N, C-alpha and C. Protein backbone atom coordinates (compact mmCIF):
# COMPACT_ATOMS: atom_id res chain seq x y z
N MET A 1 -7.98 -26.63 -20.77
CA MET A 1 -6.71 -26.17 -20.25
C MET A 1 -6.93 -25.00 -19.29
N GLU A 2 -6.32 -25.05 -18.12
CA GLU A 2 -6.49 -24.00 -17.11
C GLU A 2 -5.69 -22.76 -17.51
N GLN A 3 -6.36 -21.59 -17.44
CA GLN A 3 -5.71 -20.33 -17.74
C GLN A 3 -5.05 -19.80 -16.47
N LYS A 4 -3.75 -19.61 -16.49
CA LYS A 4 -3.03 -19.08 -15.33
C LYS A 4 -3.18 -17.57 -15.28
N LEU A 5 -3.09 -17.01 -14.09
CA LEU A 5 -3.17 -15.58 -13.86
C LEU A 5 -2.02 -14.86 -14.55
N ILE A 6 -2.34 -13.82 -15.31
CA ILE A 6 -1.33 -12.96 -15.93
C ILE A 6 -1.00 -11.86 -14.93
N ILE A 7 0.25 -11.71 -14.59
CA ILE A 7 0.69 -10.76 -13.58
C ILE A 7 0.82 -9.37 -14.20
N THR A 8 0.09 -8.40 -13.62
CA THR A 8 0.12 -7.00 -14.06
C THR A 8 0.25 -6.11 -12.82
N PRO A 9 0.48 -4.81 -13.00
CA PRO A 9 0.55 -3.91 -11.84
C PRO A 9 -0.74 -3.90 -11.01
N LYS A 10 -1.87 -4.20 -11.64
CA LYS A 10 -3.17 -4.16 -10.94
C LYS A 10 -3.53 -5.50 -10.29
N THR A 11 -2.69 -6.52 -10.46
CA THR A 11 -2.96 -7.83 -9.84
C THR A 11 -2.82 -7.73 -8.34
N LYS A 12 -3.77 -8.31 -7.63
CA LYS A 12 -3.75 -8.30 -6.16
C LYS A 12 -2.73 -9.33 -5.66
N ILE A 13 -2.07 -8.99 -4.54
CA ILE A 13 -1.05 -9.86 -3.94
C ILE A 13 -1.65 -11.24 -3.62
N LEU A 14 -2.85 -11.27 -3.05
CA LEU A 14 -3.47 -12.56 -2.68
C LEU A 14 -3.67 -13.44 -3.91
N GLN A 15 -4.11 -12.85 -5.02
CA GLN A 15 -4.29 -13.62 -6.26
C GLN A 15 -2.97 -14.26 -6.69
N ILE A 16 -1.91 -13.49 -6.58
CA ILE A 16 -0.59 -14.00 -6.97
C ILE A 16 -0.17 -15.15 -6.06
N LEU A 17 -0.33 -14.95 -4.74
CA LEU A 17 0.09 -15.98 -3.79
C LEU A 17 -0.73 -17.26 -3.91
N GLU A 18 -2.01 -17.12 -4.24
CA GLU A 18 -2.86 -18.30 -4.42
C GLU A 18 -2.52 -19.04 -5.71
N THR A 19 -2.20 -18.28 -6.76
CA THR A 19 -1.90 -18.90 -8.06
C THR A 19 -0.45 -19.37 -8.14
N TYR A 20 0.46 -18.57 -7.61
CA TYR A 20 1.90 -18.86 -7.67
C TYR A 20 2.51 -18.78 -6.26
N PRO A 21 2.25 -19.76 -5.40
CA PRO A 21 2.76 -19.69 -4.02
C PRO A 21 4.28 -19.55 -3.95
N GLN A 22 4.98 -19.99 -4.96
CA GLN A 22 6.45 -19.91 -4.96
C GLN A 22 6.95 -18.47 -5.02
N LEU A 23 6.08 -17.52 -5.34
CA LEU A 23 6.49 -16.12 -5.44
C LEU A 23 6.50 -15.40 -4.09
N GLU A 24 6.01 -16.05 -3.05
CA GLU A 24 5.96 -15.42 -1.72
C GLU A 24 7.35 -14.97 -1.26
N GLU A 25 8.34 -15.82 -1.40
CA GLU A 25 9.68 -15.47 -0.94
C GLU A 25 10.27 -14.30 -1.73
N ILE A 26 9.94 -14.21 -3.00
CA ILE A 26 10.43 -13.09 -3.82
C ILE A 26 9.80 -11.79 -3.31
N LEU A 27 8.49 -11.82 -3.05
CA LEU A 27 7.81 -10.63 -2.53
C LEU A 27 8.40 -10.21 -1.17
N ILE A 28 8.64 -11.19 -0.31
CA ILE A 28 9.22 -10.90 1.00
C ILE A 28 10.63 -10.33 0.83
N GLY A 29 11.35 -10.79 -0.17
CA GLY A 29 12.69 -10.29 -0.42
C GLY A 29 12.71 -8.84 -0.88
N VAL A 30 11.61 -8.37 -1.46
CA VAL A 30 11.53 -7.00 -1.95
C VAL A 30 11.57 -6.01 -0.79
N THR A 31 10.86 -6.30 0.27
CA THR A 31 10.82 -5.40 1.42
C THR A 31 10.47 -6.17 2.69
N PRO A 32 11.08 -5.81 3.80
CA PRO A 32 10.80 -6.50 5.06
C PRO A 32 9.31 -6.46 5.46
N ALA A 33 8.59 -5.42 5.03
CA ALA A 33 7.17 -5.31 5.39
C ALA A 33 6.36 -6.50 4.88
N PHE A 34 6.81 -7.13 3.80
CA PHE A 34 6.06 -8.24 3.24
C PHE A 34 6.20 -9.53 4.06
N LYS A 35 7.06 -9.53 5.08
CA LYS A 35 7.13 -10.68 5.98
C LYS A 35 5.79 -10.90 6.64
N ARG A 36 5.01 -9.84 6.75
CA ARG A 36 3.67 -9.92 7.34
C ARG A 36 2.74 -10.81 6.53
N LEU A 37 3.09 -11.10 5.29
CA LEU A 37 2.26 -11.97 4.46
C LEU A 37 2.16 -13.38 5.03
N LYS A 38 3.10 -13.75 5.89
CA LYS A 38 3.06 -15.07 6.51
C LYS A 38 1.96 -15.16 7.58
N ASN A 39 1.49 -14.01 8.09
CA ASN A 39 0.40 -13.97 9.06
C ASN A 39 -0.91 -14.21 8.30
N PRO A 40 -1.63 -15.31 8.61
CA PRO A 40 -2.86 -15.64 7.86
C PRO A 40 -3.91 -14.53 7.88
N LEU A 41 -4.04 -13.82 8.99
CA LEU A 41 -5.04 -12.75 9.04
C LEU A 41 -4.66 -11.61 8.11
N LEU A 42 -3.40 -11.21 8.14
CA LEU A 42 -2.98 -10.12 7.27
C LEU A 42 -3.00 -10.54 5.80
N ARG A 43 -2.72 -11.81 5.56
CA ARG A 43 -2.77 -12.30 4.18
C ARG A 43 -4.19 -12.15 3.63
N LYS A 44 -5.18 -12.46 4.47
CA LYS A 44 -6.57 -12.37 4.02
C LYS A 44 -7.06 -10.94 3.92
N THR A 45 -6.44 -10.02 4.65
CA THR A 45 -6.91 -8.64 4.62
C THR A 45 -6.07 -7.78 3.69
N ILE A 46 -4.85 -7.50 4.08
CA ILE A 46 -3.98 -6.61 3.31
C ILE A 46 -3.73 -7.16 1.91
N ALA A 47 -3.35 -8.43 1.82
CA ALA A 47 -2.99 -9.02 0.51
C ALA A 47 -4.19 -9.08 -0.43
N ARG A 48 -5.39 -9.12 0.13
CA ARG A 48 -6.60 -9.20 -0.69
C ARG A 48 -6.86 -7.90 -1.45
N VAL A 49 -6.46 -6.76 -0.87
CA VAL A 49 -6.76 -5.47 -1.49
C VAL A 49 -5.55 -4.77 -2.10
N THR A 50 -4.35 -5.22 -1.78
CA THR A 50 -3.14 -4.54 -2.27
C THR A 50 -2.72 -5.07 -3.63
N THR A 51 -2.51 -4.15 -4.56
CA THR A 51 -2.05 -4.52 -5.90
C THR A 51 -0.52 -4.52 -5.94
N LEU A 52 0.03 -5.10 -7.00
CA LEU A 52 1.49 -5.06 -7.16
C LEU A 52 1.98 -3.62 -7.31
N GLN A 53 1.19 -2.79 -7.96
CA GLN A 53 1.56 -1.38 -8.11
C GLN A 53 1.71 -0.74 -6.73
N GLN A 54 0.77 -1.04 -5.84
CA GLN A 54 0.83 -0.51 -4.48
C GLN A 54 1.98 -1.15 -3.70
N ALA A 55 2.18 -2.44 -3.90
CA ALA A 55 3.26 -3.16 -3.21
C ALA A 55 4.62 -2.59 -3.61
N ALA A 56 4.76 -2.23 -4.87
CA ALA A 56 6.02 -1.65 -5.34
C ALA A 56 6.28 -0.33 -4.61
N ALA A 57 5.23 0.46 -4.43
CA ALA A 57 5.38 1.73 -3.70
C ALA A 57 5.77 1.45 -2.25
N ILE A 58 5.17 0.44 -1.64
CA ILE A 58 5.50 0.07 -0.26
C ILE A 58 6.98 -0.31 -0.17
N GLY A 59 7.43 -1.10 -1.14
CA GLY A 59 8.82 -1.56 -1.15
C GLY A 59 9.80 -0.56 -1.71
N ASN A 60 9.27 0.58 -2.17
CA ASN A 60 10.10 1.62 -2.77
C ASN A 60 10.92 1.08 -3.95
N VAL A 61 10.25 0.29 -4.79
CA VAL A 61 10.87 -0.24 -6.01
C VAL A 61 10.00 0.15 -7.19
N LYS A 62 10.58 0.15 -8.38
CA LYS A 62 9.79 0.43 -9.58
C LYS A 62 8.82 -0.71 -9.83
N VAL A 63 7.57 -0.37 -10.09
CA VAL A 63 6.56 -1.41 -10.31
C VAL A 63 6.95 -2.29 -11.51
N GLN A 64 7.54 -1.68 -12.53
CA GLN A 64 7.96 -2.45 -13.70
C GLN A 64 8.98 -3.52 -13.31
N ASP A 65 9.93 -3.16 -12.43
CA ASP A 65 10.94 -4.13 -12.00
C ASP A 65 10.32 -5.26 -11.20
N LEU A 66 9.39 -4.93 -10.30
CA LEU A 66 8.74 -5.95 -9.48
C LEU A 66 7.90 -6.88 -10.34
N VAL A 67 7.07 -6.31 -11.19
CA VAL A 67 6.20 -7.13 -12.05
C VAL A 67 7.04 -8.03 -12.95
N ASN A 68 8.07 -7.45 -13.56
CA ASN A 68 8.90 -8.25 -14.48
C ASN A 68 9.67 -9.35 -13.75
N ARG A 69 10.09 -9.10 -12.54
CA ARG A 69 10.77 -10.14 -11.75
C ARG A 69 9.83 -11.31 -11.51
N LEU A 70 8.59 -11.00 -11.10
CA LEU A 70 7.60 -12.05 -10.84
C LEU A 70 7.20 -12.75 -12.13
N ARG A 71 7.00 -11.98 -13.20
CA ARG A 71 6.62 -12.57 -14.49
C ARG A 71 7.72 -13.51 -14.99
N HIS A 72 8.97 -13.10 -14.83
CA HIS A 72 10.10 -13.94 -15.25
C HIS A 72 10.08 -15.29 -14.52
N GLU A 73 9.81 -15.24 -13.20
CA GLU A 73 9.79 -16.46 -12.38
C GLU A 73 8.74 -17.47 -12.84
N VAL A 74 7.65 -16.97 -13.42
CA VAL A 74 6.58 -17.88 -13.85
C VAL A 74 6.50 -18.03 -15.37
N GLY A 75 7.52 -17.51 -16.07
CA GLY A 75 7.59 -17.71 -17.51
C GLY A 75 6.72 -16.80 -18.36
N GLN A 76 6.38 -15.62 -17.83
CA GLN A 76 5.58 -14.67 -18.62
C GLN A 76 6.49 -13.62 -19.24
N ASP A 77 6.04 -13.03 -20.35
CA ASP A 77 6.80 -11.98 -21.03
C ASP A 77 6.94 -10.75 -20.14
N THR A 78 7.99 -9.95 -20.40
CA THR A 78 8.20 -8.74 -19.61
C THR A 78 7.20 -7.66 -19.97
N LEU A 79 7.03 -6.73 -19.05
CA LEU A 79 6.09 -5.63 -19.17
C LEU A 79 6.85 -4.38 -19.59
N SER A 80 6.28 -3.60 -20.50
CA SER A 80 6.95 -2.37 -20.92
C SER A 80 6.73 -1.28 -19.89
N GLU A 81 7.56 -0.25 -19.93
CA GLU A 81 7.45 0.85 -18.97
C GLU A 81 6.11 1.56 -19.10
N VAL A 82 5.59 1.67 -20.31
CA VAL A 82 4.32 2.36 -20.55
C VAL A 82 3.18 1.63 -19.83
N GLU A 83 3.22 0.29 -19.83
CA GLU A 83 2.16 -0.50 -19.20
C GLU A 83 2.23 -0.46 -17.68
N ALA A 84 3.37 -0.13 -17.11
CA ALA A 84 3.59 -0.26 -15.68
C ALA A 84 2.84 0.77 -14.84
N GLY A 85 3.11 2.05 -15.05
CA GLY A 85 2.48 3.08 -14.21
C GLY A 85 3.06 3.04 -12.80
N GLU A 86 3.14 4.16 -12.14
CA GLU A 86 3.72 4.23 -10.79
C GLU A 86 2.75 4.94 -9.85
N VAL A 87 2.82 4.61 -8.58
CA VAL A 87 2.05 5.30 -7.55
C VAL A 87 2.94 6.40 -7.00
N ASN A 88 2.42 7.61 -6.91
CA ASN A 88 3.21 8.74 -6.44
C ASN A 88 3.00 8.93 -4.94
N ILE A 89 4.02 8.59 -4.16
CA ILE A 89 3.97 8.73 -2.71
C ILE A 89 4.80 9.95 -2.32
N HIS A 90 4.24 10.82 -1.47
CA HIS A 90 4.93 12.04 -1.05
C HIS A 90 5.67 11.80 0.26
N TYR A 91 7.01 11.82 0.18
CA TYR A 91 7.86 11.60 1.35
C TYR A 91 8.46 12.89 1.91
N ASN A 92 8.37 13.98 1.17
CA ASN A 92 8.93 15.25 1.65
C ASN A 92 7.87 16.04 2.39
N CYS A 93 8.26 16.60 3.52
CA CYS A 93 7.33 17.38 4.34
C CYS A 93 6.75 18.53 3.51
N PRO A 94 5.42 18.58 3.41
CA PRO A 94 4.80 19.64 2.60
C PRO A 94 4.68 20.95 3.38
N GLU A 95 4.46 22.02 2.65
CA GLU A 95 4.29 23.33 3.28
C GLU A 95 3.06 23.36 4.18
N TRP A 96 2.05 22.56 3.86
CA TRP A 96 0.82 22.60 4.64
C TRP A 96 0.93 21.92 6.00
N TYR A 97 2.02 21.17 6.24
CA TYR A 97 2.11 20.44 7.51
C TYR A 97 2.45 21.37 8.67
N GLU A 98 1.61 21.33 9.67
CA GLU A 98 1.80 22.07 10.92
C GLU A 98 1.20 21.20 12.02
N PRO A 99 2.01 20.72 12.98
CA PRO A 99 1.50 19.81 14.02
C PRO A 99 0.23 20.31 14.73
N SER A 100 0.08 21.60 14.88
CA SER A 100 -1.10 22.14 15.57
C SER A 100 -2.39 21.94 14.75
N LYS A 101 -2.25 21.62 13.47
CA LYS A 101 -3.43 21.41 12.61
C LYS A 101 -3.92 19.97 12.62
N ILE A 102 -3.26 19.09 13.41
CA ILE A 102 -3.71 17.69 13.48
C ILE A 102 -5.04 17.64 14.21
N ASN A 103 -6.07 17.23 13.49
CA ASN A 103 -7.44 17.18 13.99
C ASN A 103 -7.73 15.85 14.68
N ARG A 104 -7.15 14.78 14.13
CA ARG A 104 -7.43 13.44 14.65
C ARG A 104 -6.24 12.54 14.37
N ARG A 105 -5.99 11.62 15.32
CA ARG A 105 -4.95 10.60 15.16
C ARG A 105 -5.63 9.24 15.23
N PHE A 106 -5.18 8.33 14.37
CA PHE A 106 -5.74 6.98 14.37
C PHE A 106 -4.62 5.98 14.14
N ASP A 107 -4.47 5.04 15.07
CA ASP A 107 -3.45 4.00 14.98
C ASP A 107 -4.13 2.71 14.53
N ILE A 108 -3.77 2.22 13.33
CA ILE A 108 -4.45 1.05 12.77
C ILE A 108 -3.76 -0.27 13.10
N ARG A 109 -2.68 -0.23 13.85
CA ARG A 109 -1.91 -1.45 14.11
C ARG A 109 -2.74 -2.54 14.80
N SER A 110 -3.50 -2.19 15.81
CA SER A 110 -4.27 -3.23 16.52
C SER A 110 -5.38 -3.79 15.63
N MET A 111 -5.98 -2.95 14.79
CA MET A 111 -7.00 -3.44 13.86
C MET A 111 -6.40 -4.47 12.91
N LEU A 112 -5.25 -4.13 12.32
CA LEU A 112 -4.60 -5.05 11.39
C LEU A 112 -4.20 -6.34 12.07
N ASP A 113 -3.66 -6.23 13.29
CA ASP A 113 -3.26 -7.43 14.04
C ASP A 113 -4.46 -8.32 14.33
N GLY A 114 -5.64 -7.72 14.45
CA GLY A 114 -6.86 -8.48 14.71
C GLY A 114 -7.54 -8.96 13.44
N GLY A 115 -6.91 -8.70 12.28
CA GLY A 115 -7.47 -9.16 11.02
C GLY A 115 -8.55 -8.26 10.45
N GLU A 116 -8.70 -7.06 11.02
CA GLU A 116 -9.71 -6.12 10.53
C GLU A 116 -9.11 -5.20 9.48
N MET A 117 -9.97 -4.72 8.60
CA MET A 117 -9.56 -3.79 7.56
C MET A 117 -9.94 -2.37 7.97
N PRO A 118 -8.97 -1.48 8.13
CA PRO A 118 -9.27 -0.12 8.58
C PRO A 118 -9.75 0.82 7.48
N VAL A 119 -9.78 0.37 6.24
CA VAL A 119 -10.05 1.26 5.12
C VAL A 119 -11.39 1.99 5.26
N HIS A 120 -12.43 1.31 5.69
CA HIS A 120 -13.74 1.97 5.78
C HIS A 120 -13.75 3.05 6.86
N GLN A 121 -13.14 2.76 8.00
CA GLN A 121 -13.06 3.73 9.09
C GLN A 121 -12.23 4.94 8.66
N VAL A 122 -11.08 4.69 8.06
CA VAL A 122 -10.21 5.80 7.66
C VAL A 122 -10.88 6.65 6.59
N MET A 123 -11.50 6.01 5.61
CA MET A 123 -12.15 6.79 4.54
C MET A 123 -13.32 7.61 5.09
N ALA A 124 -14.07 7.06 6.03
CA ALA A 124 -15.16 7.82 6.66
C ALA A 124 -14.59 9.03 7.41
N ASP A 125 -13.50 8.80 8.14
CA ASP A 125 -12.84 9.89 8.87
C ASP A 125 -12.35 10.97 7.91
N LEU A 126 -11.75 10.55 6.80
CA LEU A 126 -11.21 11.52 5.83
C LEU A 126 -12.33 12.33 5.17
N LYS A 127 -13.45 11.68 4.91
CA LYS A 127 -14.57 12.42 4.30
C LYS A 127 -15.09 13.50 5.24
N ASP A 128 -15.01 13.24 6.56
CA ASP A 128 -15.48 14.20 7.56
C ASP A 128 -14.41 15.21 7.97
N LEU A 129 -13.20 15.05 7.48
CA LEU A 129 -12.10 15.93 7.86
C LEU A 129 -12.34 17.35 7.33
N PRO A 130 -12.36 18.34 8.22
CA PRO A 130 -12.53 19.72 7.75
C PRO A 130 -11.34 20.16 6.89
N ARG A 131 -11.61 21.01 5.91
CA ARG A 131 -10.53 21.55 5.08
C ARG A 131 -9.51 22.28 5.95
N GLY A 132 -8.23 22.09 5.60
CA GLY A 132 -7.18 22.78 6.32
C GLY A 132 -6.74 22.09 7.60
N GLU A 133 -7.38 20.97 7.95
CA GLU A 133 -6.98 20.22 9.14
C GLU A 133 -6.35 18.90 8.72
N ILE A 134 -5.57 18.32 9.61
CA ILE A 134 -4.76 17.13 9.29
C ILE A 134 -5.25 15.91 10.06
N TYR A 135 -5.28 14.80 9.34
CA TYR A 135 -5.61 13.48 9.91
C TYR A 135 -4.31 12.69 9.91
N GLU A 136 -3.89 12.21 11.09
CA GLU A 136 -2.63 11.48 11.19
C GLU A 136 -2.90 9.99 11.44
N LEU A 137 -2.40 9.18 10.54
CA LEU A 137 -2.59 7.73 10.60
C LEU A 137 -1.27 7.08 11.00
N THR A 138 -1.31 6.19 12.00
CA THR A 138 -0.13 5.43 12.40
C THR A 138 -0.33 4.01 11.89
N ALA A 139 0.65 3.51 11.13
CA ALA A 139 0.51 2.20 10.51
C ALA A 139 1.84 1.44 10.55
N PRO A 140 1.75 0.09 10.53
CA PRO A 140 2.97 -0.72 10.54
C PRO A 140 3.59 -0.90 9.16
N LEU A 141 2.91 -0.41 8.13
CA LEU A 141 3.40 -0.50 6.77
C LEU A 141 2.82 0.65 5.97
N LEU A 142 3.35 0.88 4.81
CA LEU A 142 2.87 1.94 3.95
C LEU A 142 1.51 1.51 3.39
N THR A 143 0.47 2.26 3.68
CA THR A 143 -0.89 1.91 3.29
C THR A 143 -1.24 2.53 1.94
N VAL A 144 -0.62 2.03 0.90
CA VAL A 144 -0.80 2.60 -0.44
C VAL A 144 -2.25 2.57 -0.90
N PRO A 145 -3.03 1.49 -0.64
CA PRO A 145 -4.43 1.54 -1.07
C PRO A 145 -5.20 2.72 -0.45
N LEU A 146 -4.94 3.01 0.83
CA LEU A 146 -5.61 4.15 1.47
C LEU A 146 -5.14 5.47 0.86
N ILE A 147 -3.84 5.56 0.59
CA ILE A 147 -3.30 6.78 0.00
C ILE A 147 -3.92 7.02 -1.37
N GLU A 148 -4.04 5.95 -2.16
CA GLU A 148 -4.65 6.10 -3.48
C GLU A 148 -6.11 6.51 -3.40
N LYS A 149 -6.85 5.91 -2.47
CA LYS A 149 -8.27 6.27 -2.30
C LYS A 149 -8.40 7.73 -1.87
N ALA A 150 -7.57 8.15 -0.92
CA ALA A 150 -7.62 9.53 -0.44
C ALA A 150 -7.26 10.50 -1.58
N SER A 151 -6.24 10.16 -2.35
CA SER A 151 -5.85 11.01 -3.49
C SER A 151 -6.99 11.14 -4.48
N GLY A 152 -7.74 10.05 -4.66
CA GLY A 152 -8.89 10.07 -5.56
C GLY A 152 -9.97 11.03 -5.09
N LEU A 153 -9.98 11.34 -3.80
CA LEU A 153 -10.94 12.29 -3.23
C LEU A 153 -10.36 13.70 -3.16
N GLY A 154 -9.15 13.87 -3.71
CA GLY A 154 -8.51 15.18 -3.69
C GLY A 154 -7.86 15.52 -2.36
N ILE A 155 -7.53 14.49 -1.57
CA ILE A 155 -6.90 14.70 -0.27
C ILE A 155 -5.40 14.44 -0.42
N ASP A 156 -4.61 15.43 -0.02
CA ASP A 156 -3.15 15.32 -0.12
C ASP A 156 -2.61 14.49 1.04
N HIS A 157 -1.39 13.98 0.89
CA HIS A 157 -0.79 13.16 1.94
C HIS A 157 0.71 13.46 2.07
N TRP A 158 1.23 13.02 3.20
CA TRP A 158 2.67 13.05 3.46
C TRP A 158 3.00 11.84 4.30
N VAL A 159 3.98 11.06 3.85
CA VAL A 159 4.40 9.85 4.55
C VAL A 159 5.72 10.12 5.26
N GLU A 160 5.73 9.84 6.55
CA GLU A 160 6.96 9.93 7.33
C GLU A 160 7.28 8.52 7.84
N LYS A 161 8.35 7.96 7.31
CA LYS A 161 8.76 6.61 7.71
C LYS A 161 9.64 6.73 8.96
N LYS A 162 9.12 6.21 10.07
CA LYS A 162 9.86 6.28 11.34
C LYS A 162 10.82 5.10 11.48
N SER A 163 10.38 3.91 10.98
CA SER A 163 11.21 2.71 11.00
C SER A 163 10.63 1.75 9.96
N GLU A 164 11.23 0.56 9.84
CA GLU A 164 10.75 -0.42 8.85
C GLU A 164 9.29 -0.79 9.06
N ASP A 165 8.81 -0.71 10.32
CA ASP A 165 7.43 -1.11 10.58
C ASP A 165 6.65 -0.03 11.33
N LEU A 166 6.99 1.24 11.08
CA LEU A 166 6.23 2.34 11.67
C LEU A 166 6.20 3.53 10.71
N PHE A 167 4.99 3.86 10.27
CA PHE A 167 4.79 4.95 9.34
C PHE A 167 3.74 5.91 9.91
N LEU A 168 3.99 7.20 9.78
CA LEU A 168 2.99 8.22 10.08
C LEU A 168 2.58 8.79 8.73
N ILE A 169 1.29 8.71 8.46
CA ILE A 169 0.77 9.20 7.18
C ILE A 169 -0.21 10.32 7.51
N ARG A 170 0.12 11.52 7.05
CA ARG A 170 -0.74 12.67 7.32
C ARG A 170 -1.53 13.00 6.07
N PHE A 171 -2.82 13.25 6.27
CA PHE A 171 -3.73 13.59 5.18
C PHE A 171 -4.30 14.98 5.45
N MET A 172 -4.49 15.75 4.36
CA MET A 172 -5.10 17.06 4.49
C MET A 172 -5.94 17.38 3.27
N LYS A 173 -7.16 17.87 3.53
CA LYS A 173 -8.01 18.37 2.45
C LYS A 173 -7.57 19.80 2.20
N GLN A 174 -7.25 20.10 0.95
CA GLN A 174 -6.81 21.46 0.61
C GLN A 174 -8.01 22.35 0.36
């Protein structure tokens, strides 16, 4: 008997779409940014590394609500709040933000459109970022995996949503 994928906050979007293709429309319904999942290149790149926990942050929904909605659709039991966990995204301008402190700007839109993953370039840039200086990332969607990786290195962030498909994400080493 084939074991079906159990949907959790740590499940990758691509795994879900490959196992339960019928869930694509539900994910797209959560946030307009997920319409990009229809692009085969972005599906292979972004969806391969993004977890439901990160997707919930992108869609600005509770991860528990998203996971339970998907689990319900495929007949799985609901997830408790304790099991869910949330990604903490900073949307309020921090005291450390000063435009003159921007050390480097990087626009990842063309990389993503070309099917490339910017994570290695951005992480290398962030590791080289001098303390007290700001790295500004321009992206077509909220890059929660990058934010989580940067936070793991002790790098703070601030997300400024300009439109549904334009985000400025500033990073600073304290």
